[in-house]
PDB file of N, CA and C in Angstrom:
ATOM      1  N   MET A   1      -9.475   6.761  -6.460  1.00  0.00           N
ATOM      2  CA  MET A   1      -8.031   6.714  -6.937  1.00  0.00           C
ATOM      3  C   MET A   1      -8.084   5.627  -7.916  1.00  0.00           C
ATOM      4  N   GLU A   2      -7.431   6.101  -9.027  1.00  0.00           N
ATOM      5  CA  GLU A   2      -7.646   5.555 -10.292  1.00  0.00           C
ATOM      6  C   GLU A   2      -6.141   4.603 -10.250  1.00  0.00           C
ATOM      7  N   PHE A   3      -5.991   3.345 -10.981  1.00  0.00           N
ATOM      8  CA  PHE A   3      -4.578   2.595 -10.856  1.00  0.00           C
ATOM      9  C   PHE A   3      -3.591   3.241 -11.345  1.00  0.00           C
ATOM     10  N   GLN A   4      -3.624   4.258 -12.563  1.00  0.00           N
ATOM     11  CA  GLN A   4      -2.509   5.241 -12.753  1.00  0.00           C
ATOM     12  C   GLN A   4      -1.988   6.057 -11.743  1.00  0.00           C
ATOM     13  N   ASP A   5      -3.045   6.283 -10.867  1.00  0.00           N
ATOM     14  CA  ASP A   5      -2.224   7.144  -9.591  1.00  0.00           C
ATOM     15  C   ASP A   5      -1.221   6.596  -8.946  1.00  0.00           C
ATOM     16  N   ILE A   6      -1.316   5.157  -8.834  1.00  0.00           N
ATOM     17  CA  ILE A   6      -0.309   4.736  -7.953  1.00  0.00           C
ATOM     18  C   ILE A   6       0.930   5.055  -8.276  1.00  0.00           C
ATOM     19  N   HIS A   7       1.838   5.190  -7.319  1.00  0.00           N
ATOM     20  CA  HIS A   7       3.239   5.408  -7.593  1.00  0.00           C
ATOM     21  C   HIS A   7       4.173   4.827  -6.603  1.00  0.00           C
ATOM     22  N   ILE A   8       5.278   4.412  -6.960  1.00  0.00           N
ATOM     23  CA  ILE A   8       6.175   3.891  -6.152  1.00  0.00           C
ATOM     24  C   ILE A   8       6.685   4.981  -5.031  1.00  0.00           C
ATOM     25  N   GLY A   9       6.496   4.471  -3.666  1.00  0.00           N
ATOM     26  CA  GLY A   9       6.902   5.524  -2.738  1.00  0.00           C
ATOM     27  C   GLY A   9       5.584   6.061  -1.975  1.00  0.00           C
ATOM     28  N   MET A  10       4.584   5.936  -2.487  1.00  0.00           N
ATOM     29  CA  MET A  10       3.147   6.423  -1.726  1.00  0.00           C
ATOM     30  C   MET A  10       2.954   5.343  -0.774  1.00  0.00           C
ATOM     31  N   MET A  11       2.291   6.009   0.317  1.00  0.00           N
ATOM     32  CA  MET A  11       1.576   5.093   1.511  1.00  0.00           C
ATOM     33  C   MET A  11       0.246   4.865   1.161  1.00  0.00           C
ATOM     34  N   CYS A  12       0.006   3.621   1.413  1.00  0.00           N
ATOM     35  CA  CYS A  12      -1.248   2.880   1.194  1.00  0.00           C
ATOM     36  C   CYS A  12      -1.703   1.794   2.408  1.00  0.00           C
ATOM     37  N   GLY A  13      -2.966   1.802   2.530  1.00  0.00           N
ATOM     38  CA  GLY A  13      -3.307   0.961   3.519  1.00  0.00           C
ATOM     39  C   GLY A  13      -4.541  -0.191   2.840  1.00  0.00           C
ATOM     40  N   SER A  14      -4.596  -1.176   3.570  1.00  0.00           N
ATOM     41  CA  SER A  14      -5.329  -2.252   2.863  1.00  0.00           C
ATOM     42  C   SER A  14      -5.894  -3.195   4.171  1.00  0.00           C
ATOM     43  N   LYS A  15      -6.654  -3.979   3.946  1.00  0.00           N
ATOM     44  CA  LYS A  15      -7.105  -5.094   5.111  1.00  0.00           C
ATOM     45  C   LYS A  15      -5.886  -5.760   5.569  1.00  0.00           C
ATOM     46  N   LYS A  16      -4.937  -5.901   4.491  1.00  0.00           N
ATOM     47  CA  LYS A  16      -3.736  -6.689   4.903  1.00  0.00           C
ATOM     48  C   LYS A  16      -2.918  -6.020   5.706  1.00  0.00           C
ATOM     49  N   GLY A  17      -2.978  -4.648   5.755  1.00  0.00           N
ATOM     50  CA  GLY A  17      -1.985  -3.755   6.431  1.00  0.00           C
ATOM     51  C   GLY A  17      -1.622  -2.649   5.604  1.00  0.00           C
ATOM     52  N   SER A  18      -0.486  -1.530   6.159  1.00  0.00           N
ATOM     53  CA  SER A  18      -0.320  -0.649   5.640  1.00  0.00           C
ATOM     54  C   SER A  18       1.203  -0.748   5.162  1.00  0.00           C
ATOM     55  N   GLY A  19       1.355   0.272   4.104  1.00  0.00           N
ATOM     56  CA  GLY A  19       2.768   0.022   3.678  1.00  0.00           C
ATOM     57  C   GLY A  19       3.270   1.147   2.714  1.00  0.00           C
ATOM     58  N   THR A  20       4.476   1.257   2.124  1.00  0.00           N
ATOM     59  CA  THR A  20       4.779   2.004   0.952  1.00  0.00           C
ATOM     60  C   THR A  20       5.034   1.062  -0.353  1.00  0.00           C
ATOM     61  N   VAL A  21       4.505   1.614  -1.152  1.00  0.00           N
ATOM     62  CA  VAL A  21       4.361   1.004  -2.450  1.00  0.00           C
ATOM     63  C   VAL A  21       5.813   0.668  -3.132  1.00  0.00           C
ATOM     64  N   THR A  22       6.167  -0.506  -3.171  1.00  0.00           N
ATOM     65  CA  THR A  22       7.548  -0.893  -3.618  1.00  0.00           C
ATOM     66  C   THR A  22       7.591  -1.436  -5.199  1.00  0.00           C
ATOM     67  N   TRP A  23       6.619  -1.794  -5.727  1.00  0.00           N
ATOM     68  CA  TRP A  23       6.389  -2.352  -6.988  1.00  0.00           C
ATOM     69  C   TRP A  23       4.973  -2.428  -7.515  1.00  0.00           C
ATOM     70  N   ILE A  24       4.726  -2.212  -8.714  1.00  0.00           N
ATOM     71  CA  ILE A  24       3.495  -2.287  -9.520  1.00  0.00           C
ATOM     72  C   ILE A  24       3.326  -3.191 -10.586  1.00  0.00           C
ATOM     73  N   ASP A  25       2.465  -4.236 -10.639  1.00  0.00           N
ATOM     74  CA  ASP A  25       2.290  -5.093 -11.789  1.00  0.00           C
ATOM     75  C   ASP A  25       1.076  -4.473 -12.343  1.00  0.00           C
ATOM     76  N   GLY A  26       1.169  -4.041 -13.438  1.00  0.00           N
ATOM     77  CA  GLY A  26       0.037  -3.663 -14.373  1.00  0.00           C
ATOM     78  C   GLY A  26      -0.661  -4.581 -14.969  1.00  0.00           C
ATOM     79  N   SER A  27      -0.103  -5.752 -15.126  1.00  0.00           N
ATOM     80  CA  SER A  27      -0.979  -6.761 -16.017  1.00  0.00           C
ATOM     81  C   SER A  27      -1.698  -7.328 -14.970  1.00  0.00           C
ATOM     82  N   THR A  28      -1.530  -7.270 -13.828  1.00  0.00           N
ATOM     83  CA  THR A  28      -2.219  -8.202 -12.815  1.00  0.00           C
ATOM     84  C   THR A  28      -3.191  -7.040 -11.936  1.00  0.00           C
ATOM     85  N   ARG A  29      -2.757  -5.933 -11.977  1.00  0.00           N
ATOM     86  CA  ARG A  29      -3.257  -4.953 -11.096  1.00  0.00           C
ATOM     87  C   ARG A  29      -2.981  -5.262  -9.741  1.00  0.00           C
ATOM     88  N   THR A  30      -1.782  -5.853  -9.535  1.00  0.00           N
ATOM     89  CA  THR A  30      -1.228  -6.176  -8.244  1.00  0.00           C
ATOM     90  C   THR A  30      -0.449  -5.056  -7.668  1.00  0.00           C
ATOM     91  N   VAL A  31      -0.254  -4.477  -6.468  1.00  0.00           N
ATOM     92  CA  VAL A  31       0.639  -3.881  -5.806  1.00  0.00           C
ATOM     93  C   VAL A  31       1.069  -4.699  -4.788  1.00  0.00           C
ATOM     94  N   TYR A  32       2.573  -4.356  -4.591  1.00  0.00           N
ATOM     95  CA  TYR A  32       3.460  -4.747  -3.720  1.00  0.00           C
ATOM     96  C   TYR A  32       3.732  -3.633  -2.724  1.00  0.00           C
ATOM     97  N   LEU A  33       3.440  -4.070  -1.453  1.00  0.00           N
ATOM     98  CA  LEU A  33       3.865  -2.940  -0.491  1.00  0.00           C
ATOM     99  C   LEU A  33       4.907  -3.729   0.511  1.00  0.00           C
ATOM    100  N   SER A  34       5.794  -2.526   1.033  1.00  0.00           N
ATOM    101  CA  SER A  34       6.614  -3.044   2.176  1.00  0.00           C
ATOM    102  C   SER A  34       6.063  -2.414   3.478  1.00  0.00           C
ATOM    103  N   ASP A  35       5.793  -3.123   4.326  1.00  0.00           N
ATOM    104  CA  ASP A  35       5.361  -2.968   5.756  1.00  0.00           C
ATOM    105  C   ASP A  35       5.765  -1.841   6.459  1.00  0.00           C
ATOM    106  N   VAL A  36       5.575  -0.794   6.829  1.00  0.00           N
ATOM    107  CA  VAL A  36       5.946   0.448   7.522  1.00  0.00           C
ATOM    108  C   VAL A  36       6.690  -0.062   8.945  1.00  0.00           C
ATOM    109  N   VAL A  37       6.214  -1.044   9.466  1.00  0.00           N
ATOM    110  CA  VAL A  37       7.021  -1.536  10.932  1.00  0.00           C
ATOM    111  C   VAL A  37       8.199  -2.362  10.687  1.00  0.00           C
ATOM    112  N   ASN A  38       8.194  -3.135  10.032  1.00  0.00           N
ATOM    113  CA  ASN A  38       9.435  -4.259   9.843  1.00  0.00           C
ATOM    114  C   ASN A  38       9.646  -4.580   8.263  1.00  0.00           C
ATOM    115  N   ASN A  39       9.305  -3.622   7.250  1.00  0.00           N
ATOM    116  CA  ASN A  39       9.999  -3.997   6.035  1.00  0.00           C
ATOM    117  C   ASN A  39       9.380  -5.115   5.233  1.00  0.00           C
ATOM    118  N   ASN A  40       8.845  -5.966   5.944  1.00  0.00           N
ATOM    119  CA  ASN A  40       8.364  -7.240   5.158  1.00  0.00           C
ATOM    120  C   ASN A  40       7.372  -6.823   4.095  1.00  0.00           C
ATOM    121  N   ASN A  41       7.638  -7.628   2.647  1.00  0.00           N
ATOM    122  CA  ASN A  41       6.748  -7.310   1.909  1.00  0.00           C
ATOM    123  C   ASN A  41       5.453  -8.115   1.535  1.00  0.00           C
ATOM    124  N   PHE A  42       4.381  -7.409   1.050  1.00  0.00           N
ATOM    125  CA  PHE A  42       3.127  -8.236   0.826  1.00  0.00           C
ATOM    126  C   PHE A  42       2.645  -7.545  -0.404  1.00  0.00           C
ATOM    127  N   GLU A  43       1.546  -8.285  -1.042  1.00  0.00           N
ATOM    128  CA  GLU A  43       1.024  -7.775  -2.220  1.00  0.00           C
ATOM    129  C   GLU A  43      -0.518  -7.770  -1.822  1.00  0.00           C
ATOM    130  N   VAL A  44      -0.966  -6.649  -2.721  1.00  0.00           N
ATOM    131  CA  VAL A  44      -2.554  -6.452  -2.496  1.00  0.00           C
ATOM    132  C   VAL A  44      -3.023  -6.179  -3.779  1.00  0.00           C
ATOM    133  N   ASP A  45      -4.257  -6.641  -4.107  1.00  0.00           N
ATOM    134  CA  ASP A  45      -4.862  -6.146  -5.350  1.00  0.00           C
ATOM    135  C   ASP A  45      -5.382  -4.926  -5.222  1.00  0.00           C
ATOM    136  N   PHE A  46      -5.381  -4.163  -6.039  1.00  0.00           N
ATOM    137  CA  PHE A  46      -5.558  -2.776  -6.360  1.00  0.00           C
ATOM    138  C   PHE A  46      -6.741  -2.524  -5.697  1.00  0.00           C
ATOM    139  N   GLU A  47      -8.014  -3.333  -6.210  1.00  0.00           N
ATOM    140  CA  GLU A  47      -9.391  -2.811  -5.554  1.00  0.00           C
ATOM    141  C   GLU A  47      -9.262  -2.735  -4.014  1.00  0.00           C
ATOM    142  N   ASP A  48      -8.364  -3.551  -3.205  1.00  0.00           N
ATOM    143  CA  ASP A  48      -8.172  -3.520  -1.784  1.00  0.00           C
ATOM    144  C   ASP A  48      -7.376  -2.292  -1.362  1.00  0.00           C
ATOM    145  N   LEU A  49      -6.688  -1.701  -2.303  1.00  0.00           N
ATOM    146  CA  LEU A  49      -6.297  -0.438  -1.584  1.00  0.00           C
ATOM    147  C   LEU A  49      -6.957   0.953  -1.233  1.00  0.00           C
ATOM    148  N   MET A  50      -6.326   1.428  -0.283  1.00  0.00           N
ATOM    149  CA  MET A  50      -6.812   2.730   0.194  1.00  0.00           C
ATOM    150  C   MET A  50      -5.641   3.668   0.557  1.00  0.00           C
ATOM    151  N   GLU A  51      -5.767   4.616  -0.402  1.00  0.00           N
ATOM    152  CA  GLU A  51      -4.574   5.610  -0.478  1.00  0.00           C
ATOM    153  C   GLU A  51      -4.785   6.580   1.001  1.00  0.00           C
ATOM    154  N   ASP A  52      -4.009   6.905   1.932  1.00  0.00           N
ATOM    155  CA  ASP A  52      -3.976   7.493   3.111  1.00  0.00           C
ATOM    156  C   ASP A  52      -2.351   7.978   3.579  1.00  0.00           C
ATOM    157  N   PRO A  53      -2.348   9.272   3.313  1.00  0.00           N
ATOM    158  CA  PRO A  53      -0.806   9.667   3.756  1.00  0.00           C
ATOM    159  C   PRO A  53      -0.852   9.898   5.318  1.00  0.00           C
ATOM    160  N   GLN A  54      -1.806   9.731   5.991  1.00  0.00           N
ATOM    161  CA  GLN A  54      -1.641   9.470   7.578  1.00  0.00           C
ATOM    162  C   GLN A  54      -1.424   8.311   8.094  1.00  0.00           C
ATOM    163  N   ILE A  55      -1.050   7.189   7.403  1.00  0.00           N
ATOM    164  CA  ILE A  55      -0.465   5.717   8.049  1.00  0.00           C
ATOM    165  C   ILE A  55       0.599   6.079   8.517  1.00  0.00           C
ATOM    166  N   HIS A  56       0.848   5.720   9.644  1.00  0.00           N
ATOM    167  CA  HIS A  56       2.128   5.580  10.487  1.00  0.00           C
ATOM    168  C   HIS A  56       2.454   4.402  11.033  1.00  0.00           C
ATOM    169  N   ASN A  57       1.663   3.370  11.324  1.00  0.00           N
ATOM    170  CA  ASN A  57       1.924   2.118  12.208  1.00  0.00           C
ATOM    171  C   ASN A  57       1.107   0.942  11.705  1.00  0.00           C
ATOM    172  N   GLN A  58       1.326  -0.076  12.060  1.00  0.00           N
ATOM    173  CA  GLN A  58       0.688  -1.204  11.678  1.00  0.00           C
ATOM    174  C   GLN A  58      -0.596  -1.291  12.236  1.00  0.00           C
ATOM    175  N   GLU A  59      -1.248  -0.472  13.137  1.00  0.00           N
ATOM    176  CA  GLU A  59      -2.700  -0.515  13.772  1.00  0.00           C
ATOM    177  C   GLU A  59      -3.192   0.473  12.958  1.00  0.00           C
ATOM    178  N   ASP A  60      -2.658   0.927  11.717  1.00  0.00           N
ATOM    179  CA  ASP A  60      -3.369   2.093  11.018  1.00  0.00           C
ATOM    180  C   ASP A  60      -3.848   3.135  12.139  1.00  0.00           C
ATOM    181  N   SER A  61      -3.173   3.419  13.068  1.00  0.00           N
ATOM    182  CA  SER A  61      -3.661   4.840  13.936  1.00  0.00           C
ATOM    183  C   SER A  61      -3.687   5.953  13.237  1.00  0.00           C
ATOM    184  N   TYR A  62      -4.513   6.901  13.324  1.00  0.00           N
ATOM    185  CA  TYR A  62      -4.401   8.160  12.920  1.00  0.00           C
ATOM    186  C   TYR A  62      -4.464   9.277  14.081  1.00  0.00           C
ATOM    187  N   TYR A  63      -3.899  10.627  13.730  1.00  0.00           N
ATOM    188  CA  TYR A  63      -3.799  11.493  14.678  1.00  0.00           C
ATOM    189  C   TYR A  63      -3.874  12.814  14.025  1.00  0.00           C
TER     190      TYR A  63
END
């Protein structure tokens, strides 16, 4: 995945957790996510992101 592929509303995962992209800072290559469970926001470096459309909960369970 390339940095320019990131867009607001996409689901992503990281070691910090999974969430929906709410804001992208191009100057620092930081992506801000909203937690899928409780809407808490957290930041993740682009290099730590994983795109996964099947992310549904905090435990990153797949089915």
